Amino acid sequence: MRTASRPIQPIDWNSLPLLLGEKDAASITGLSLSFFRKSRCEGTRGKGMPPPPFVCIGGRRDYNAADLRSWVEGLPSREPI
């Protein structure tokens, strides 16, 4: 039996800090932490999805909130069935 998917919550981009850690970026976008880690290493993911832009600061990999927003808004939308 399939479980109902969780409803997508709107993102209040203006309330986010300038830089987001990978866990926050995953949580906000609804994508897995694994997706963010693999996309940094492998580049373009399945079905041609480009990786989100990130910045390296020391050993951290952070995501600029404005860049992440542009990336999300630039993703192709899916047609409903």
Protein backbone atom coordinates (compact mmCIF):
# COMPACT_ATOMS: atom_id res chain seq x y z
CA MET A 1 0.00 0.00 0.00
CA ARG A 2 1.37 3.42 -0.94
CA THR A 3 1.50 6.12 1.66
CA ALA A 4 0.41 9.62 0.81
CA SER A 5 3.26 11.97 0.01
CA ARG A 6 3.72 14.94 2.24
CA PRO A 7 2.37 18.22 0.93
CA ILE A 8 4.94 20.61 -0.44
CA GLN A 9 5.34 23.62 1.80
CA PRO A 10 6.06 27.00 0.19
CA ILE A 11 9.57 28.27 0.84
CA ASP A 12 9.98 31.70 2.44
CA TRP A 13 13.26 32.49 0.72
CA ASN A 14 13.52 35.92 2.39
CA SER A 15 13.71 34.41 5.87
CA LEU A 16 16.67 32.15 5.10
CA PRO A 17 20.26 32.95 6.08
CA LEU A 18 22.69 33.90 3.31
CA LEU A 19 24.46 30.51 3.36
CA LEU A 20 22.84 27.15 3.97
CA GLY A 21 24.58 23.93 4.99
CA GLU A 22 23.88 20.81 2.95
CA LYS A 23 21.39 19.47 5.51
CA ASP A 24 19.41 22.71 5.48
CA ALA A 25 19.50 22.87 1.67
CA ALA A 26 18.21 19.30 1.48
CA SER A 27 15.46 19.97 4.00
CA ILE A 28 14.31 23.17 2.32
CA THR A 29 14.22 21.73 -1.20
CA GLY A 30 12.82 18.33 -0.22
CA LEU A 31 15.75 16.59 -1.91
CA SER A 32 17.90 14.05 -0.13
CA LEU A 33 21.20 14.83 1.51
CA SER A 34 22.62 12.09 -0.69
CA PHE A 35 21.48 13.99 -3.81
CA PHE A 36 23.44 17.08 -2.74
CA ARG A 37 26.56 15.08 -1.91
CA LYS A 38 26.50 13.01 -5.09
CA SER A 39 25.72 15.96 -7.35
CA ARG A 40 28.77 17.83 -6.02
CA CYS A 41 30.98 14.87 -6.94
CA GLU A 42 29.31 13.60 -10.10
CA GLY A 43 27.87 16.77 -11.63
CA THR A 44 24.72 16.36 -13.71
CA ARG A 45 22.39 13.78 -12.19
CA GLY A 46 19.79 11.49 -13.72
CA LYS A 47 17.56 12.91 -16.43
CA GLY A 48 20.00 15.79 -16.97
CA MET A 49 19.35 17.58 -13.67
CA PRO A 50 22.24 20.00 -13.14
CA PRO A 51 23.81 20.17 -9.70
CA PRO A 52 22.98 23.12 -7.46
CA PRO A 53 25.78 25.70 -7.21
CA PHE A 54 27.76 25.59 -3.98
CA VAL A 55 30.65 27.40 -2.32
CA CYS A 56 33.58 25.87 -0.44
CA ILE A 57 34.58 27.56 2.80
CA GLY A 58 37.27 25.62 4.59
CA GLY A 59 36.00 22.04 4.73
CA ARG A 60 32.35 23.05 4.43
CA ARG A 61 30.18 22.96 1.34
CA ASP A 62 27.50 25.62 1.60
CA TYR A 63 24.75 26.81 -0.68
CA ASN A 64 24.03 30.49 -1.23
CA ALA A 65 20.29 30.88 -0.61
CA ALA A 66 19.81 33.17 -3.66
CA ASP A 67 21.70 30.75 -5.93
CA LEU A 68 19.73 27.79 -4.55
CA ARG A 69 16.47 29.66 -5.21
CA SER A 70 17.49 30.39 -8.81
CA TRP A 71 18.47 26.74 -9.27
CA VAL A 72 15.14 25.48 -7.89
CA GLU A 73 13.13 27.92 -10.00
CA GLY A 74 15.12 26.93 -13.10
CA LEU A 75 14.33 23.23 -12.78
CA PRO A 76 11.92 21.89 -15.38
CA SER A 77 8.44 21.35 -14.04
CA ARG A 78 6.70 18.05 -14.50
CA GLU A 79 3.41 17.75 -16.27
CA PRO A 80 0.63 16.22 -14.17
CA ILE A 81 -0.76 12.94 -15.40
